[in-house]
Amino acid sequence: MKKGYCPIDTFIDVVKGKRKATIILHLSQGDKRYSELVKLIDDISERMLTKQLKELEEDGLINRTVFPEVPPRVEYSLTAMGREIHPTLKGMFRAGIKFEKQIDGINPHNGE
């Protein structure tokens, strides 16, 4: 994590990426195994999901717990910081829905 020009830029730099915000939103509903995240976020490759999870862990937003079992079981959960930014991401999610409704209401044929 590095500081941006302003705190908003820093925040966006940390959560931008292929489905990082979506990962945080899913983990806010409870701890998830890797396989659960693969099923929940089906429009991302496993390679990219692994990369995003690693970055979120490095930035202190999620925990990765490996259970000493055969085969090994890995679970992801939110850290205190991840839980703290969840309401902001949820607000962005709601705003995104409003923007999508507005976009859907625009008629491309008459320029409205």
N, C-alpha and C. Protein backbone atom coordinates (compact mmCIF):
# COMPACT_ATOMS: atom_id res chain seq x y z
N MET A 1 0.85 -1.17 0.00
CA MET A 1 0.00 0.00 0.00
C MET A 1 0.89 1.23 0.00
N LYS A 2 0.53 2.19 -0.84
CA LYS A 2 1.28 3.43 -0.85
C LYS A 2 0.30 4.59 -0.78
N LYS A 3 0.78 5.71 -0.28
CA LYS A 3 -0.06 6.88 -0.16
C LYS A 3 -0.29 7.49 -1.54
N GLY A 4 -1.49 7.97 -1.74
CA GLY A 4 -1.83 8.65 -2.98
C GLY A 4 -1.73 10.15 -2.80
N TYR A 5 -2.19 10.86 -3.81
CA TYR A 5 -2.17 12.31 -3.77
C TYR A 5 -3.02 12.83 -2.62
N CYS A 6 -4.16 12.19 -2.39
CA CYS A 6 -5.01 12.53 -1.26
C CYS A 6 -5.57 11.22 -0.69
N PRO A 7 -6.14 11.24 0.51
CA PRO A 7 -6.65 10.00 1.11
C PRO A 7 -7.67 9.26 0.26
N ILE A 8 -8.46 9.98 -0.52
CA ILE A 8 -9.43 9.31 -1.39
C ILE A 8 -8.69 8.48 -2.44
N ASP A 9 -7.62 9.03 -3.00
CA ASP A 9 -6.82 8.28 -3.98
C ASP A 9 -6.20 7.05 -3.34
N THR A 10 -5.72 7.19 -2.10
CA THR A 10 -5.14 6.05 -1.40
C THR A 10 -6.18 4.95 -1.24
N PHE A 11 -7.38 5.32 -0.81
CA PHE A 11 -8.47 4.35 -0.63
C PHE A 11 -8.79 3.65 -1.94
N ILE A 12 -8.96 4.43 -3.00
CA ILE A 12 -9.31 3.85 -4.29
C ILE A 12 -8.21 2.93 -4.79
N ASP A 13 -6.95 3.34 -4.61
CA ASP A 13 -5.84 2.51 -5.06
C ASP A 13 -5.82 1.16 -4.35
N VAL A 14 -6.24 1.13 -3.08
CA VAL A 14 -6.23 -0.12 -2.33
C VAL A 14 -7.37 -1.03 -2.76
N VAL A 15 -8.56 -0.49 -3.00
CA VAL A 15 -9.71 -1.35 -3.30
C VAL A 15 -9.97 -1.55 -4.79
N LYS A 16 -9.26 -0.79 -5.64
CA LYS A 16 -9.50 -1.02 -7.07
C LYS A 16 -8.78 -2.31 -7.47
N GLY A 17 -9.24 -2.88 -8.50
CA GLY A 17 -8.69 -4.15 -8.94
C GLY A 17 -9.82 -5.07 -9.29
N LYS A 18 -9.51 -6.13 -9.93
CA LYS A 18 -10.54 -7.07 -10.39
C LYS A 18 -11.28 -7.68 -9.21
N ARG A 19 -12.41 -7.14 -8.90
CA ARG A 19 -13.35 -7.65 -7.89
C ARG A 19 -12.88 -7.54 -6.43
N LYS A 20 -11.94 -6.67 -6.12
CA LYS A 20 -11.51 -6.54 -4.72
C LYS A 20 -12.66 -6.11 -3.82
N ALA A 21 -13.42 -5.10 -4.26
CA ALA A 21 -14.55 -4.63 -3.46
C ALA A 21 -15.58 -5.74 -3.29
N THR A 22 -15.81 -6.50 -4.36
CA THR A 22 -16.76 -7.61 -4.30
C THR A 22 -16.30 -8.67 -3.30
N ILE A 23 -15.02 -8.94 -3.27
CA ILE A 23 -14.46 -9.89 -2.31
C ILE A 23 -14.75 -9.41 -0.89
N ILE A 24 -14.48 -8.15 -0.62
CA ILE A 24 -14.72 -7.59 0.71
C ILE A 24 -16.20 -7.67 1.07
N LEU A 25 -17.08 -7.34 0.12
CA LEU A 25 -18.51 -7.42 0.39
C LEU A 25 -18.94 -8.85 0.71
N HIS A 26 -18.41 -9.83 0.00
CA HIS A 26 -18.75 -11.23 0.29
C HIS A 26 -18.22 -11.65 1.67
N LEU A 27 -17.01 -11.24 1.99
CA LEU A 27 -16.43 -11.62 3.29
C LEU A 27 -17.12 -10.91 4.45
N SER A 28 -17.80 -9.81 4.18
CA SER A 28 -18.55 -9.14 5.25
C SER A 28 -19.72 -10.00 5.72
N GLN A 29 -20.12 -10.95 4.91
CA GLN A 29 -21.21 -11.86 5.26
C GLN A 29 -20.72 -13.08 6.02
N GLY A 30 -19.40 -13.18 6.21
CA GLY A 30 -18.83 -14.30 6.95
C GLY A 30 -17.60 -14.84 6.27
N ASP A 31 -16.83 -15.60 7.02
CA ASP A 31 -15.61 -16.21 6.50
C ASP A 31 -15.96 -17.10 5.31
N LYS A 32 -15.06 -17.13 4.34
CA LYS A 32 -15.29 -17.94 3.15
C LYS A 32 -14.04 -18.74 2.81
N ARG A 33 -14.28 -19.95 2.35
CA ARG A 33 -13.19 -20.77 1.82
C ARG A 33 -12.92 -20.30 0.40
N TYR A 34 -11.72 -20.60 -0.08
CA TYR A 34 -11.34 -20.21 -1.43
C TYR A 34 -12.35 -20.71 -2.45
N SER A 35 -12.76 -21.97 -2.32
CA SER A 35 -13.70 -22.56 -3.29
C SER A 35 -15.04 -21.83 -3.28
N GLU A 36 -15.46 -21.33 -2.12
CA GLU A 36 -16.70 -20.57 -2.05
C GLU A 36 -16.58 -19.26 -2.82
N LEU A 37 -15.43 -18.60 -2.67
CA LEU A 37 -15.21 -17.34 -3.39
C LEU A 37 -15.17 -17.57 -4.89
N VAL A 38 -14.59 -18.69 -5.32
CA VAL A 38 -14.56 -19.03 -6.75
C VAL A 38 -15.99 -19.13 -7.28
N LYS A 39 -16.87 -19.76 -6.53
CA LYS A 39 -18.27 -19.93 -6.96
C LYS A 39 -19.03 -18.60 -6.92
N LEU A 40 -18.76 -17.79 -5.89
CA LEU A 40 -19.47 -16.52 -5.74
C LEU A 40 -19.06 -15.49 -6.79
N ILE A 41 -17.79 -15.54 -7.19
CA ILE A 41 -17.26 -14.55 -8.14
C ILE A 41 -16.82 -15.31 -9.39
N ASP A 42 -17.80 -15.66 -10.20
CA ASP A 42 -17.52 -16.56 -11.31
C ASP A 42 -17.00 -15.87 -12.57
N ASP A 43 -16.89 -14.54 -12.55
CA ASP A 43 -16.40 -13.85 -13.74
C ASP A 43 -14.94 -13.42 -13.61
N ILE A 44 -14.20 -14.14 -12.76
CA ILE A 44 -12.79 -13.85 -12.55
C ILE A 44 -12.03 -15.18 -12.60
N SER A 45 -10.87 -15.17 -13.20
CA SER A 45 -10.09 -16.41 -13.25
C SER A 45 -9.55 -16.73 -11.86
N GLU A 46 -9.26 -17.98 -11.62
CA GLU A 46 -8.71 -18.37 -10.32
C GLU A 46 -7.35 -17.71 -10.09
N ARG A 47 -6.60 -17.56 -11.14
CA ARG A 47 -5.29 -16.90 -11.03
C ARG A 47 -5.46 -15.45 -10.56
N MET A 48 -6.42 -14.73 -11.16
CA MET A 48 -6.66 -13.34 -10.79
C MET A 48 -7.25 -13.25 -9.39
N LEU A 49 -8.14 -14.16 -9.04
CA LEU A 49 -8.71 -14.16 -7.69
C LEU A 49 -7.61 -14.35 -6.66
N THR A 50 -6.71 -15.29 -6.91
CA THR A 50 -5.59 -15.52 -6.00
C THR A 50 -4.74 -14.27 -5.85
N LYS A 51 -4.49 -13.59 -6.96
CA LYS A 51 -3.70 -12.36 -6.94
C LYS A 51 -4.39 -11.27 -6.10
N GLN A 52 -5.69 -11.12 -6.32
CA GLN A 52 -6.43 -10.09 -5.59
C GLN A 52 -6.49 -10.40 -4.10
N LEU A 53 -6.68 -11.66 -3.75
CA LEU A 53 -6.70 -12.06 -2.34
C LEU A 53 -5.35 -11.78 -1.68
N LYS A 54 -4.29 -12.07 -2.40
CA LYS A 54 -2.95 -11.82 -1.86
C LYS A 54 -2.73 -10.33 -1.62
N GLU A 55 -3.14 -9.50 -2.57
CA GLU A 55 -2.99 -8.06 -2.42
C GLU A 55 -3.84 -7.53 -1.26
N LEU A 56 -5.06 -8.02 -1.13
CA LEU A 56 -5.91 -7.59 -0.03
C LEU A 56 -5.31 -7.99 1.32
N GLU A 57 -4.70 -9.16 1.36
CA GLU A 57 -4.03 -9.61 2.58
C GLU A 57 -2.81 -8.72 2.88
N GLU A 58 -2.01 -8.43 1.86
CA GLU A 58 -0.83 -7.57 2.04
C GLU A 58 -1.21 -6.17 2.51
N ASP A 59 -2.38 -5.69 2.06
CA ASP A 59 -2.83 -4.35 2.45
C ASP A 59 -3.57 -4.34 3.79
N GLY A 60 -3.68 -5.51 4.42
CA GLY A 60 -4.26 -5.58 5.76
C GLY A 60 -5.77 -5.54 5.81
N LEU A 61 -6.45 -5.91 4.70
CA LEU A 61 -7.90 -5.89 4.69
C LEU A 61 -8.53 -7.26 4.93
N ILE A 62 -7.78 -8.32 4.63
CA ILE A 62 -8.31 -9.66 4.88
C ILE A 62 -7.24 -10.52 5.56
N ASN A 63 -7.73 -11.54 6.26
CA ASN A 63 -6.87 -12.55 6.87
C ASN A 63 -6.98 -13.82 6.05
N ARG A 64 -5.88 -14.53 5.95
CA ARG A 64 -5.85 -15.85 5.30
C ARG A 64 -5.43 -16.84 6.36
N THR A 65 -6.29 -17.80 6.63
CA THR A 65 -6.01 -18.80 7.64
C THR A 65 -5.91 -20.17 6.98
N VAL A 66 -4.78 -20.83 7.18
CA VAL A 66 -4.57 -22.17 6.64
C VAL A 66 -4.71 -23.15 7.79
N PHE A 67 -5.62 -24.11 7.62
CA PHE A 67 -5.84 -25.13 8.63
C PHE A 67 -5.00 -26.35 8.29
N PRO A 68 -4.26 -26.87 9.28
CA PRO A 68 -3.37 -28.01 9.03
C PRO A 68 -4.14 -29.32 8.88
N GLU A 69 -4.78 -29.46 7.74
CA GLU A 69 -5.56 -30.65 7.43
C GLU A 69 -5.05 -31.20 6.11
N VAL A 70 -5.49 -32.40 5.79
CA VAL A 70 -5.15 -32.98 4.50
C VAL A 70 -6.47 -33.25 3.78
N PRO A 71 -6.74 -32.60 2.66
CA PRO A 71 -5.95 -31.52 2.06
C PRO A 71 -6.09 -30.25 2.90
N PRO A 72 -5.14 -29.32 2.75
CA PRO A 72 -5.20 -28.08 3.53
C PRO A 72 -6.48 -27.29 3.24
N ARG A 73 -7.03 -26.71 4.28
CA ARG A 73 -8.22 -25.87 4.14
C ARG A 73 -7.79 -24.43 4.39
N VAL A 74 -8.21 -23.54 3.50
CA VAL A 74 -7.86 -22.12 3.61
C VAL A 74 -9.15 -21.33 3.72
N GLU A 75 -9.21 -20.45 4.70
CA GLU A 75 -10.37 -19.57 4.87
C GLU A 75 -9.91 -18.12 4.87
N TYR A 76 -10.77 -17.27 4.35
CA TYR A 76 -10.50 -15.84 4.31
C TYR A 76 -11.54 -15.13 5.16
N SER A 77 -11.10 -14.09 5.86
CA SER A 77 -11.99 -13.28 6.68
C SER A 77 -11.52 -11.83 6.63
N LEU A 78 -12.39 -10.94 7.04
CA LEU A 78 -12.03 -9.52 7.07
C LEU A 78 -11.24 -9.21 8.33
N THR A 79 -10.28 -8.32 8.20
CA THR A 79 -9.57 -7.78 9.36
C THR A 79 -10.44 -6.64 9.92
N ALA A 80 -9.98 -6.05 11.01
CA ALA A 80 -10.69 -4.90 11.56
C ALA A 80 -10.78 -3.78 10.52
N MET A 81 -9.71 -3.55 9.78
CA MET A 81 -9.73 -2.52 8.73
C MET A 81 -10.70 -2.88 7.63
N GLY A 82 -10.75 -4.14 7.24
CA GLY A 82 -11.70 -4.58 6.23
C GLY A 82 -13.14 -4.35 6.68
N ARG A 83 -13.42 -4.65 7.95
CA ARG A 83 -14.76 -4.41 8.49
C ARG A 83 -15.06 -2.92 8.55
N GLU A 84 -14.04 -2.12 8.82
CA GLU A 84 -14.22 -0.67 8.94
C GLU A 84 -14.57 -0.03 7.59
N ILE A 85 -13.98 -0.52 6.50
CA ILE A 85 -14.27 0.10 5.20
C ILE A 85 -15.51 -0.49 4.53
N HIS A 86 -16.03 -1.58 5.07
CA HIS A 86 -17.21 -2.22 4.48
C HIS A 86 -18.38 -1.25 4.27
N PRO A 87 -18.75 -0.42 5.25
CA PRO A 87 -19.87 0.50 5.01
C PRO A 87 -19.64 1.44 3.83
N THR A 88 -18.42 1.87 3.64
CA THR A 88 -18.10 2.74 2.51
C THR A 88 -18.32 2.00 1.20
N LEU A 89 -17.85 0.76 1.14
CA LEU A 89 -18.03 -0.04 -0.08
C LEU A 89 -19.50 -0.34 -0.33
N LYS A 90 -20.24 -0.59 0.75
CA LYS A 90 -21.67 -0.86 0.61
C LYS A 90 -22.38 0.39 0.07
N GLY A 91 -21.96 1.57 0.53
CA GLY A 91 -22.51 2.81 0.00
C GLY A 91 -22.18 2.98 -1.47
N MET A 92 -20.97 2.63 -1.85
CA MET A 92 -20.57 2.70 -3.26
C MET A 92 -21.40 1.72 -4.09
N PHE A 93 -21.68 0.56 -3.53
CA PHE A 93 -22.51 -0.44 -4.20
C PHE A 93 -23.90 0.13 -4.47
N ARG A 94 -24.48 0.75 -3.45
CA ARG A 94 -25.81 1.34 -3.60
C ARG A 94 -25.79 2.47 -4.63
N ALA A 95 -24.76 3.30 -4.60
CA ALA A 95 -24.64 4.37 -5.58
C ALA A 95 -24.50 3.79 -6.98
N GLY A 96 -23.75 2.70 -7.11
CA GLY A 96 -23.61 2.05 -8.41
C GLY A 96 -24.94 1.58 -8.96
N ILE A 97 -25.80 1.05 -8.08
CA ILE A 97 -27.14 0.61 -8.51
C ILE A 97 -27.93 1.81 -9.03
N LYS A 98 -27.85 2.94 -8.33
CA LYS A 98 -28.55 4.15 -8.78
C LYS A 98 -28.03 4.61 -10.14
N PHE A 99 -26.71 4.60 -10.31
CA PHE A 99 -26.14 5.00 -11.59
C PHE A 99 -26.59 4.06 -12.70
N GLU A 100 -26.61 2.76 -12.41
CA GLU A 100 -27.04 1.79 -13.42
C GLU A 100 -28.49 2.01 -13.82
N LYS A 101 -29.35 2.32 -12.83
CA LYS A 101 -30.75 2.61 -13.15
C LYS A 101 -30.86 3.86 -14.01
N GLN A 102 -30.05 4.86 -13.69
CA GLN A 102 -30.05 6.08 -14.49
C GLN A 102 -29.57 5.80 -15.91
N ILE A 103 -28.52 5.01 -16.04
CA ILE A 103 -28.00 4.65 -17.36
C ILE A 103 -29.05 3.86 -18.14
N ASP A 104 -29.72 2.92 -17.47
CA ASP A 104 -30.75 2.12 -18.14
C ASP A 104 -31.92 2.99 -18.58
N GLY A 105 -32.15 4.10 -17.87
CA GLY A 105 -33.26 4.99 -18.22
C GLY A 105 -32.95 5.92 -19.36
N ILE A 106 -31.69 6.00 -19.76
CA ILE A 106 -31.30 6.87 -20.87
C ILE A 106 -31.62 6.17 -22.18
N ASN A 107 -32.36 6.85 -23.03
CA ASN A 107 -32.71 6.30 -24.32
C ASN A 107 -31.67 6.76 -25.35
N PRO A 108 -30.85 5.87 -25.89
CA PRO A 108 -29.81 6.27 -26.83
C PRO A 108 -30.34 6.83 -28.14
N HIS A 109 -31.63 6.57 -28.45
CA HIS A 109 -32.18 7.01 -29.75
C HIS A 109 -32.59 8.47 -29.73
N ASN A 110 -32.97 9.00 -28.56
CA ASN A 110 -33.40 10.40 -28.54
C ASN A 110 -32.50 11.28 -27.71
N GLY A 111 -31.39 10.73 -27.22
CA GLY A 111 -30.40 11.53 -26.51
C GLY A 111 -30.78 11.92 -25.09
N GLU A 112 -31.85 11.35 -24.56
CA GLU A 112 -32.27 11.68 -23.20
C GLU A 112 -31.42 11.01 -22.17
